[in-house]
Amino acid sequence: MGELKLCKSCGVPVDIGKVYMWQAGGVIMERKDPERRAVIHDTEAFNKVCEDIEALIGVPIENMIIESRCRMNRRQQEALYPPWRRKIMKACLETFMGPGLMGKTLGRPIEGMAQRLTMEVNDIGRSLGLGDVSLGDLWGKGEKYPHRENIIRNPYSLSCYCGDALGATEGWEDREMWVRYDETGDNTFRVTTYEGEHPIELQGRLQARFYAFKDGDIRHEPCPLCGVPASAARFVWNAGEGTVTDPDTGRRVIITDPLTLQAVFDDLEAELGEDIPRAIIASQRESMKSAGLKDNLGADGSVLKQMLATRGLGNLVRFETGGDGLQVTIENSCLHLLMVGMMQAAYEHLWEVEGSTYSWKLAEDGDLEVSIT
């Protein structure tokens, strides 16, 4: 796979500015789907919270993550590419592709177009930090659906990438499918989508919540060419690896939608009760403390406010300290349990304490109030 096309001004992959925009309310919004937001999330923390949940409940949550991520990525593909384009490509694949004479003649230019589109989707994934995504081995062999197989090396989460691949294929083919994977090398996997039903036990579950975003007071310094804020352009993109790194912690991050994980959290809490939120908050607190929070985090919340806004985690509108505690309000919050764990870690870092307690309240409009003592 070749190098990603970078902005000539700030060096960020151009796909980032094309797909996303940073809002004054602490939200990273998709340009073609304004209800859908994105966050920049620490991958180590992401994977740890999933592992801690599985350790708590004793069963894997892989299928839940695949299903939830599939729904979100299918929606993204349908927003990025207009219906007419997807319908034409699907019709051409089914009519002209295949092992016969038509496939060897008329099918070749169709396959070329399908290959370019698949590479375009894969390049967006590499820009987001999914890993080193490349074409599978079905191209040029007379296959009707060569785009259904892709290779990923160094995935940030294999379950999430499987959901991404599944959602992208369903978005283009407009049919229900499922996904499998097999390891082909060192941390390298062949991911294949195929016609099949989703797990029946997940039907009607994993419902995402959407709400209107509030305006805010955050000022970003956008790149004059691509519009990505300077605070986000500080992240380090490695096109060859398909990774994005936070320069402050040296840890890998991912640009992803928060609804995938939140739907899983909500579903598990509804089924299993309060042990789930407690485990999620504890996992995030531990991850954030191990990441090494900034020494200049500041006791007035200004640095934390910018950090949250850059990552699309909401607008910090209240940061009050007094006595033995910290009171925080975040507008347009998302992944609220992870935010509670982050605020707990920030409090213990700033006041150099080893332990604390918390309480929180999430309003219907997305406002999150957290108290740490």
Protein backbone atom coordinates (compact mmCIF):
# COMPACT_ATOMS: atom_id res chain seq x y z
CA MET A 1 0.00 0.00 0.00
CA GLY A 2 1.37 3.43 -0.93
CA GLU A 3 1.84 6.49 1.21
CA LEU A 4 -1.21 8.39 2.41
CA LYS A 5 -1.88 11.78 0.85
CA LEU A 6 -0.94 14.41 3.45
CA CYS A 7 -2.01 18.01 3.89
CA LYS A 8 0.75 20.25 2.51
CA SER A 9 0.33 22.67 5.40
CA CYS A 10 0.00 20.59 8.58
CA GLY A 11 1.01 17.09 7.46
CA VAL A 12 -2.19 15.37 8.58
CA PRO A 13 -3.70 12.80 6.15
CA VAL A 14 -6.15 14.70 3.95
CA ASP A 15 -8.89 12.15 4.65
CA ILE A 16 -9.10 13.41 8.25
CA GLY A 17 -10.07 16.92 7.20
CA LYS A 18 -12.40 15.59 4.50
CA VAL A 19 -14.35 13.35 6.86
CA TYR A 20 -14.32 15.26 10.18
CA MET A 21 -14.65 18.78 11.57
CA TRP A 22 -13.94 20.03 15.10
CA GLN A 23 -16.78 22.01 16.72
CA ALA A 24 -16.72 24.68 19.44
CA GLY A 25 -18.78 22.41 21.69
CA GLY A 26 -16.00 19.84 22.09
CA VAL A 27 -17.39 17.52 19.42
CA ILE A 28 -15.64 16.00 16.40
CA MET A 29 -18.43 15.70 13.86
CA GLU A 30 -18.68 13.83 10.58
CA ARG A 31 -19.16 16.31 7.76
CA LYS A 32 -21.67 14.17 5.86
CA ASP A 33 -23.48 12.81 8.92
CA PRO A 34 -23.75 15.61 11.52
CA GLU A 35 -25.48 13.37 14.09
CA ARG A 36 -22.49 11.07 14.17
CA ARG A 37 -19.43 12.07 16.14
CA ALA A 38 -15.92 10.75 16.57
CA VAL A 39 -13.40 10.67 19.39
CA ILE A 40 -9.64 10.24 19.60
CA HIS A 41 -9.23 7.41 22.07
CA ASP A 42 -6.23 5.70 23.67
CA THR A 43 -6.11 2.18 22.19
CA GLU A 44 -4.45 0.66 25.25
CA ALA A 45 -7.28 1.98 27.42
CA PHE A 46 -9.84 0.77 24.87
CA ASN A 47 -8.47 -2.76 24.82
CA LYS A 48 -8.00 -2.89 28.58
CA VAL A 49 -11.59 -1.98 29.36
CA CYS A 50 -12.78 -4.71 26.97
CA GLU A 51 -10.45 -7.24 28.60
CA ASP A 52 -11.54 -6.20 32.10
CA ILE A 53 -15.22 -6.59 31.18
CA GLU A 54 -14.57 -10.06 29.76
CA ALA A 55 -12.67 -11.02 32.91
CA LEU A 56 -15.61 -9.82 35.02
CA ILE A 57 -18.40 -11.59 33.12
CA GLY A 58 -16.41 -14.65 32.07
CA VAL A 59 -17.39 -14.63 28.38
CA PRO A 60 -16.02 -12.83 25.30
CA ILE A 61 -17.77 -9.73 23.99
CA GLU A 62 -16.26 -9.99 20.49
CA ASN A 63 -19.58 -10.50 18.68
CA MET A 64 -21.13 -7.54 20.50
CA ILE A 65 -18.28 -5.28 19.41
CA ILE A 66 -18.42 -6.56 15.81
CA GLU A 67 -22.19 -6.04 15.62
CA SER A 68 -22.09 -2.56 17.16
CA ARG A 69 -19.16 -1.42 15.06
CA CYS A 70 -20.74 -2.86 11.90
CA ARG A 71 -23.88 -0.76 12.35
CA MET A 72 -21.89 2.44 12.81
CA ASN A 73 -19.52 1.81 9.90
CA ARG A 74 -22.33 0.83 7.55
CA ARG A 75 -23.96 4.15 8.39
CA GLN A 76 -20.66 5.92 7.67
CA GLN A 77 -20.26 4.27 4.27
CA GLU A 78 -23.82 5.17 3.35
CA ALA A 79 -23.12 8.79 4.29
CA LEU A 80 -19.75 9.03 2.53
CA TYR A 81 -20.86 7.46 -0.74
CA PRO A 82 -24.20 8.40 -2.36
CA PRO A 83 -26.76 5.63 -3.03
CA TRP A 84 -26.45 5.91 -6.82
CA ARG A 85 -22.72 5.25 -6.68
CA ARG A 86 -23.11 2.21 -4.47
CA LYS A 87 -26.01 0.81 -6.55
CA ILE A 88 -24.13 1.18 -9.83
CA MET A 89 -21.03 -0.50 -8.44
CA LYS A 90 -23.06 -3.37 -6.98
CA ALA A 91 -24.91 -3.90 -10.28
CA CYS A 92 -21.67 -3.85 -12.27
CA LEU A 93 -20.01 -6.37 -9.95
CA GLU A 94 -22.93 -8.78 -10.14
CA THR A 95 -23.38 -8.40 -13.91
CA PHE A 96 -19.84 -8.31 -15.29
CA MET A 97 -17.55 -9.87 -12.68
CA GLY A 98 -16.79 -13.58 -12.61
CA PRO A 99 -14.61 -16.30 -14.13
CA GLY A 100 -16.21 -16.40 -17.61
CA LEU A 101 -15.43 -14.55 -20.84
CA MET A 102 -17.41 -11.49 -19.76
CA GLY A 103 -15.42 -11.29 -16.56
CA LYS A 104 -12.15 -11.44 -18.48
CA THR A 105 -13.20 -8.63 -20.84
CA LEU A 106 -15.88 -6.26 -19.57
CA GLY A 107 -15.16 -7.25 -15.97
CA ARG A 108 -11.60 -5.94 -15.94
CA PRO A 109 -12.38 -2.20 -15.96
CA ILE A 110 -15.16 -2.82 -13.41
CA GLU A 111 -12.69 -4.66 -11.19
CA GLY A 112 -10.28 -1.75 -11.55
CA MET A 113 -12.92 0.69 -10.32
CA ALA A 114 -13.88 -1.61 -7.44
CA GLN A 115 -10.24 -1.98 -6.50
CA ARG A 116 -9.71 1.78 -6.40
CA LEU A 117 -12.79 2.22 -4.21
CA THR A 118 -11.62 -0.54 -1.85
CA MET A 119 -8.20 1.10 -1.59
CA GLU A 120 -9.90 4.42 -0.89
CA VAL A 121 -11.88 2.90 2.00
CA ASN A 122 -8.74 1.13 3.29
CA ASP A 123 -6.74 4.37 3.16
CA ILE A 124 -9.37 6.09 5.30
CA GLY A 125 -8.98 3.25 7.78
CA ARG A 126 -5.20 3.63 7.83
CA SER A 127 -5.60 7.39 8.36
CA LEU A 128 -7.82 6.73 11.38
CA GLY A 129 -5.22 4.42 12.93
CA LEU A 130 -6.98 1.08 12.38
CA GLY A 131 -3.73 -0.58 11.38
CA ASP A 132 -1.97 -1.42 8.11
CA VAL A 133 -4.97 -2.33 5.93
CA SER A 134 -4.26 -3.72 2.45
CA LEU A 135 -6.01 -5.58 -0.35
CA GLY A 136 -6.67 -9.29 -0.10
CA ASP A 137 -5.57 -11.98 -2.58
CA LEU A 138 -8.80 -12.29 -4.60
CA TRP A 139 -8.10 -9.51 -7.09
CA GLY A 140 -7.30 -10.52 -10.67
CA LYS A 141 -8.58 -14.08 -10.20
CA GLY A 142 -12.04 -13.75 -11.71
CA GLU A 143 -13.78 -13.47 -8.35
CA LYS A 144 -17.17 -11.70 -8.33
CA TYR A 145 -16.61 -10.03 -4.95
CA PRO A 146 -12.84 -9.58 -4.42
CA HIS A 147 -13.44 -6.62 -2.08
CA ARG A 148 -14.80 -8.99 0.56
CA GLU A 149 -11.29 -10.06 1.57
CA ASN A 150 -8.74 -7.68 3.11
CA ILE A 151 -5.55 -8.02 5.10
CA ILE A 152 -4.82 -6.08 8.28
CA ARG A 153 -1.50 -5.98 10.09
CA ASN A 154 -1.14 -4.55 13.58
CA PRO A 155 -4.87 -3.89 14.20
CA TYR A 156 -5.70 -1.72 17.20
CA SER A 157 -8.63 -4.09 17.82
CA LEU A 158 -9.32 -7.09 15.62
CA SER A 159 -12.98 -7.16 16.71
CA CYS A 160 -13.46 -3.52 15.76
CA TYR A 161 -11.77 -3.95 12.39
CA CYS A 162 -13.96 -6.98 11.64
CA GLY A 163 -16.97 -4.79 12.37
CA ASP A 164 -15.56 -2.06 10.12
CA ALA A 165 -15.01 -4.49 7.24
CA LEU A 166 -18.47 -5.98 7.70
CA GLY A 167 -20.19 -2.60 7.83
CA ALA A 168 -18.34 -1.35 4.75
CA THR A 169 -19.27 -4.45 2.73
CA GLU A 170 -22.90 -4.34 3.83
CA GLY A 171 -23.04 -0.64 2.98
CA TRP A 172 -21.85 -1.29 -0.56
CA GLU A 173 -23.75 -4.51 -1.23
CA ASP A 174 -26.92 -3.61 0.72
CA ARG A 175 -27.33 -7.12 2.14
CA GLU A 176 -26.83 -8.87 5.47
CA MET A 177 -23.46 -10.53 5.90
CA TRP A 178 -21.11 -11.77 8.58
CA VAL A 179 -17.33 -11.93 8.99
CA ARG A 180 -14.52 -14.33 9.85
CA TYR A 181 -10.78 -13.97 10.26
CA ASP A 182 -7.68 -16.12 10.31
CA GLU A 183 -4.11 -15.29 11.26
CA THR A 184 -1.68 -15.34 8.33
CA GLY A 185 1.47 -13.99 10.00
CA ASP A 186 2.83 -12.09 12.96
CA ASN A 187 -0.13 -9.97 14.16
CA THR A 188 -1.48 -10.14 10.58
CA PHE A 189 -4.98 -11.34 9.73
CA ARG A 190 -7.07 -12.13 6.66
CA VAL A 191 -10.56 -10.73 7.24
CA THR A 192 -13.32 -12.08 5.00
CA THR A 193 -16.97 -11.07 4.79
CA TYR A 194 -19.56 -13.48 3.45
CA GLU A 195 -23.33 -13.73 3.04
CA GLY A 196 -24.81 -14.80 6.35
CA GLU A 197 -27.03 -13.76 9.21
CA HIS A 198 -25.97 -11.73 12.23
CA PRO A 199 -26.11 -13.52 15.61
CA ILE A 200 -29.81 -13.77 16.39
CA GLU A 201 -29.28 -13.01 20.08
CA LEU A 202 -28.09 -9.49 19.17
CA GLN A 203 -31.21 -8.52 17.23
CA GLY A 204 -32.93 -5.58 18.88
CA ARG A 205 -29.96 -4.92 21.16
CA LEU A 206 -26.99 -2.51 21.08
CA GLN A 207 -29.12 0.57 20.45
CA ALA A 208 -27.05 3.74 19.94
CA ARG A 209 -28.13 7.02 21.51
CA PHE A 210 -28.15 10.25 19.55
CA TYR A 211 -28.80 13.76 20.86
CA ALA A 212 -28.38 17.34 19.70
CA PHE A 213 -25.01 18.94 20.42
CA LYS A 214 -24.75 22.22 22.30
CA ASP A 215 -22.73 25.17 21.05
CA GLY A 216 -19.59 25.96 23.01
CA ASP A 217 -16.81 28.42 23.66
CA ILE A 218 -13.82 26.41 22.43
CA ARG A 219 -11.56 28.05 19.89
CA HIS A 220 -9.53 25.82 17.66
CA GLU A 221 -6.68 27.01 15.43
CA PRO A 222 -7.60 25.28 12.15
CA CYS A 223 -5.16 24.45 9.41
CA PRO A 224 -5.86 26.89 6.53
CA LEU A 225 -5.89 24.04 4.00
CA CYS A 226 -7.56 21.03 5.64
CA GLY A 227 -9.24 22.56 8.71
CA VAL A 228 -7.76 20.12 11.25
CA PRO A 229 -6.87 21.97 14.50
CA ALA A 230 -3.23 22.49 15.35
CA SER A 231 -3.78 20.64 18.65
CA ALA A 232 -4.86 17.53 16.70
CA ALA A 233 -2.16 17.93 14.03
CA ARG A 234 0.39 17.28 16.82
CA PHE A 235 -0.48 13.59 16.69
CA VAL A 236 2.00 11.48 14.77
CA TRP A 237 0.74 9.51 11.75
CA ASN A 238 2.72 6.47 10.57
CA ALA A 239 1.21 5.59 7.20
CA GLY A 240 3.22 2.39 6.81
CA GLU A 241 1.94 1.00 10.09
CA GLY A 242 -1.54 2.54 9.92
CA THR A 243 -1.07 4.04 13.38
CA VAL A 244 -1.58 7.37 15.12
CA THR A 245 0.45 8.23 18.24
CA ASP A 246 -0.14 10.75 21.02
CA PRO A 247 3.18 12.64 21.37
CA ASP A 248 2.48 13.42 25.05
CA THR A 249 2.18 9.79 26.15
CA GLY A 250 3.85 7.90 23.31
CA ARG A 251 0.78 5.67 23.20
CA ARG A 252 -1.26 4.70 20.18
CA VAL A 253 -4.64 6.34 19.63
CA ILE A 254 -7.57 5.66 17.31
CA ILE A 255 -10.07 8.01 15.69
CA THR A 256 -13.38 6.21 16.06
CA ASP A 257 -17.02 6.69 16.89
CA PRO A 258 -17.89 6.50 20.60
CA LEU A 259 -21.31 4.93 20.03
CA THR A 260 -19.86 1.49 19.27
CA LEU A 261 -18.45 1.06 22.75
CA GLN A 262 -21.21 2.98 24.52
CA ALA A 263 -23.90 0.69 23.07
CA VAL A 264 -21.96 -2.33 24.39
CA PHE A 265 -21.60 -0.69 27.83
CA ASP A 266 -25.32 0.14 27.99
CA ASP A 267 -26.37 -3.35 26.94
CA LEU A 268 -24.13 -5.08 29.46
CA GLU A 269 -25.21 -2.76 32.29
CA ALA A 270 -28.89 -3.38 31.53
CA GLU A 271 -28.29 -7.12 31.67
CA LEU A 272 -25.75 -7.45 34.48
CA GLY A 273 -26.19 -4.39 36.69
CA GLU A 274 -23.92 -1.95 38.49
CA ASP A 275 -20.81 -4.15 38.46
CA ILE A 276 -20.30 -3.14 34.82
CA PRO A 277 -20.05 0.66 35.36
CA ARG A 278 -17.77 0.16 38.36
CA ALA A 279 -15.42 -2.07 36.38
CA ILE A 280 -15.33 0.35 33.43
CA ILE A 281 -14.55 3.37 35.62
CA ALA A 282 -11.83 1.48 37.50
CA SER A 283 -10.27 0.27 34.25
CA GLN A 284 -10.16 3.78 32.77
CA ARG A 285 -8.74 5.31 35.95
CA GLU A 286 -5.91 2.75 35.94
CA SER A 287 -5.21 3.26 32.22
CA MET A 288 -5.07 7.04 32.48
CA LYS A 289 -2.75 6.94 35.48
CA SER A 290 -0.40 4.54 33.70
CA ALA A 291 -0.41 6.76 30.58
CA GLY A 292 1.40 9.51 32.48
CA LEU A 293 -0.82 12.58 32.61
CA LYS A 294 0.80 15.91 31.82
CA ASP A 295 2.71 17.56 34.64
CA ASN A 296 1.35 20.89 33.38
CA LEU A 297 -2.27 19.66 33.51
CA GLY A 298 -3.05 22.74 35.60
CA ALA A 299 -5.33 23.17 38.57
CA ASP A 300 -7.73 25.50 36.71
CA GLY A 301 -8.89 22.93 34.16
CA SER A 302 -7.80 24.94 31.09
CA VAL A 303 -5.33 22.33 29.82
CA LEU A 304 -7.80 19.54 30.50
CA LYS A 305 -10.53 21.48 28.66
CA GLN A 306 -8.38 21.74 25.53
CA MET A 307 -7.32 18.11 25.76
CA LEU A 308 -10.94 16.92 25.92
CA ALA A 309 -11.98 19.21 23.05
CA THR A 310 -9.12 18.05 20.83
CA ARG A 311 -10.19 14.46 21.36
CA GLY A 312 -13.90 15.21 20.82
CA LEU A 313 -14.83 14.17 24.36
CA GLY A 314 -16.95 17.24 25.15
CA ASN A 315 -16.74 20.75 26.54
CA LEU A 316 -15.46 21.18 30.09
CA VAL A 317 -17.59 24.08 31.40
CA ARG A 318 -17.05 23.62 35.14
CA PHE A 319 -13.88 22.68 37.01
CA GLU A 320 -14.15 23.64 40.66
CA THR A 321 -11.91 22.65 43.53
CA GLY A 322 -12.44 23.26 47.19
CA GLY A 323 -11.99 21.42 50.44
CA ASP A 324 -11.24 17.82 49.63
CA GLY A 325 -12.84 17.51 46.22
CA LEU A 326 -13.30 18.33 42.56
CA GLN A 327 -16.56 19.12 40.78
CA VAL A 328 -16.70 18.88 36.99
CA THR A 329 -19.36 19.46 34.35
CA ILE A 330 -18.84 18.36 30.74
CA GLU A 331 -21.32 19.37 28.04
CA ASN A 332 -21.70 17.13 24.98
CA SER A 333 -20.04 14.34 26.90
CA CYS A 334 -19.70 10.83 25.53
CA LEU A 335 -18.43 7.56 26.97
CA HIS A 336 -19.40 9.03 30.33
CA LEU A 337 -18.09 6.12 32.40
CA LEU A 338 -14.66 6.56 30.85
CA MET A 339 -14.88 10.29 31.59
CA VAL A 340 -15.55 9.55 35.26
CA GLY A 341 -12.46 7.34 35.39
CA MET A 342 -10.43 10.02 33.60
CA MET A 343 -11.55 12.74 36.03
CA GLN A 344 -10.67 10.48 38.95
CA ALA A 345 -7.19 9.91 37.53
CA ALA A 346 -6.76 13.65 36.87
CA TYR A 347 -7.78 14.50 40.45
CA GLU A 348 -5.36 11.97 41.95
CA HIS A 349 -2.58 13.24 39.67
CA LEU A 350 -3.12 16.93 40.42
CA TRP A 351 -3.49 16.54 44.17
CA GLU A 352 -1.00 13.68 44.46
CA VAL A 353 -3.31 11.29 46.24
CA GLU A 354 -3.44 7.52 45.85
CA GLY A 355 -7.18 6.99 46.13
CA SER A 356 -10.50 8.78 45.76
CA THR A 357 -14.23 8.22 45.51
CA TYR A 358 -16.61 9.47 42.86
CA SER A 359 -20.22 10.17 42.06
CA TRP A 360 -21.73 11.20 38.75
CA LYS A 361 -24.94 12.15 36.99
CA LEU A 362 -25.67 12.05 33.26
CA ALA A 363 -28.48 14.28 31.94
CA GLU A 364 -30.68 13.40 28.96
CA ASP A 365 -28.98 16.10 26.86
CA GLY A 366 -25.52 14.62 27.41
CA ASP A 367 -24.32 16.90 30.25
CA LEU A 368 -22.15 14.96 32.68
CA GLU A 369 -21.58 16.08 36.29
CA VAL A 370 -18.78 14.38 38.21
CA SER A 371 -17.74 14.82 41.83
CA ILE A 372 -14.42 13.42 43.08
CA THR A 373 -13.49 13.40 46.78
